[in-house]
Protein backbone atom coordinates (compact mmCIF):
# COMPACT_ATOMS: atom_id res chain seq x y z
CA UNK A 1 0.03 0.02 0.01
CA UNK A 2 1.35 3.47 -0.83
CA UNK A 3 1.74 6.30 1.66
CA UNK A 4 -1.63 7.85 0.66
CA UNK A 5 -3.45 4.64 1.26
CA UNK A 6 -1.76 4.16 4.64
CA UNK A 7 -2.55 7.69 5.69
CA UNK A 8 -6.25 7.12 4.93
CA UNK A 9 -6.49 4.20 7.37
CA UNK A 10 -7.84 4.68 10.83
CA UNK A 11 -4.64 3.34 12.37
CA UNK A 12 -2.85 5.54 14.95
CA UNK A 13 -0.26 7.71 13.27
CA UNK A 14 2.56 5.71 14.93
CA UNK A 15 1.37 2.53 13.25
CA UNK A 16 0.90 4.33 9.92
CA UNK A 17 4.49 5.59 10.03
CA UNK A 18 5.80 2.21 11.11
CA UNK A 19 4.03 0.57 8.21
CA UNK A 20 5.28 3.23 5.79
CA UNK A 21 8.95 3.00 6.98
CA UNK A 22 9.07 -0.83 6.95
CA UNK A 23 7.02 -1.43 3.81
CA UNK A 24 7.37 1.57 1.47
CA UNK A 25 11.01 2.48 2.00
CA UNK A 26 13.91 0.60 0.52
CA UNK A 27 15.90 -0.33 2.30
CA UNK A 28 13.33 -0.50 5.15
CA UNK A 29 13.86 2.11 7.84
CA UNK A 30 14.23 0.66 11.36
CA UNK A 31 11.27 0.97 13.67
CA UNK A 32 13.22 3.04 16.09
CA UNK A 33 12.80 5.97 13.71
CA UNK A 34 8.95 6.02 14.13
CA UNK A 35 9.02 8.36 17.11
CA UNK A 36 11.35 10.99 15.50
CA UNK A 37 9.33 10.78 12.28
CA UNK A 38 6.03 11.42 14.11
CA UNK A 39 7.62 14.31 16.04
CA UNK A 40 8.84 15.77 12.77
CA UNK A 41 5.38 15.52 11.24
CA UNK A 42 3.84 17.35 14.17
CA UNK A 43 6.57 20.00 14.04
CA UNK A 44 6.03 20.63 10.37
CA UNK A 45 2.25 20.74 10.74
CA UNK A 46 2.83 23.37 13.39
CA UNK A 47 4.90 25.31 10.88
CA UNK A 48 8.10 24.67 12.82
CA UNK A 49 10.11 23.22 9.94
CA UNK A 50 13.44 23.92 11.66
CA UNK A 51 12.58 22.32 15.02
CA UNK A 52 15.43 20.02 16.08
CA UNK A 53 14.22 16.48 16.58
CA UNK A 54 16.24 14.20 18.85
CA UNK A 55 17.44 11.10 17.06
CA UNK A 56 17.71 7.65 18.55
CA UNK A 57 20.94 6.71 20.21
CA UNK A 58 23.60 5.85 17.66
CA UNK A 59 21.84 7.74 14.83
CA UNK A 60 23.44 10.94 13.52
CA UNK A 61 22.43 13.57 11.02
CA UNK A 62 25.48 15.38 9.61
CA UNK A 63 27.41 14.36 12.76
CA UNK A 64 24.71 15.66 15.11
CA UNK A 65 22.26 13.81 17.43
CA UNK A 66 19.39 15.99 16.23
CA UNK A 67 17.97 16.78 12.77
CA UNK A 68 15.64 19.47 11.56
CA UNK A 69 12.03 18.33 11.24
CA UNK A 70 12.09 19.24 7.55
CA UNK A 71 15.06 16.96 6.86
CA UNK A 72 13.36 14.05 8.49
CA UNK A 73 10.16 14.59 6.60
CA UNK A 74 12.02 14.90 3.30
CA UNK A 75 14.42 11.99 3.77
CA UNK A 76 11.67 9.59 4.95
CA UNK A 77 9.14 10.72 2.34
CA UNK A 78 6.60 11.77 4.95
CA UNK A 79 4.96 14.57 3.01
CA UNK A 80 1.68 12.66 2.80
CA UNK A 81 1.16 13.36 6.53
CA UNK A 82 1.92 17.11 6.27
CA UNK A 83 -1.28 19.03 6.32
CA UNK A 84 0.43 22.44 6.40
CA UNK A 85 1.96 22.87 2.97
CA UNK A 86 4.51 25.52 3.86
CA UNK A 87 8.04 25.51 2.54
CA UNK A 88 10.47 23.01 3.98
């Protein structure tokens, strides 16, 4: 099922993102990225595209333990869950 189909389900957003990361991404993204992805979605929907999201232990973004919400959304193809279509 594609991201749009997953987003239309009545599953909690955490389950939707888990499904998307493990089924629609190649290679599959580990489940430990669900929480940062959901936080990034919420940040972007609150128009806080630059909010720094804490990454799981051992995960780095450009050498840092945090990543901007926009980078997480873009790199994990989460735009389907963004209801606020501002620039990111």
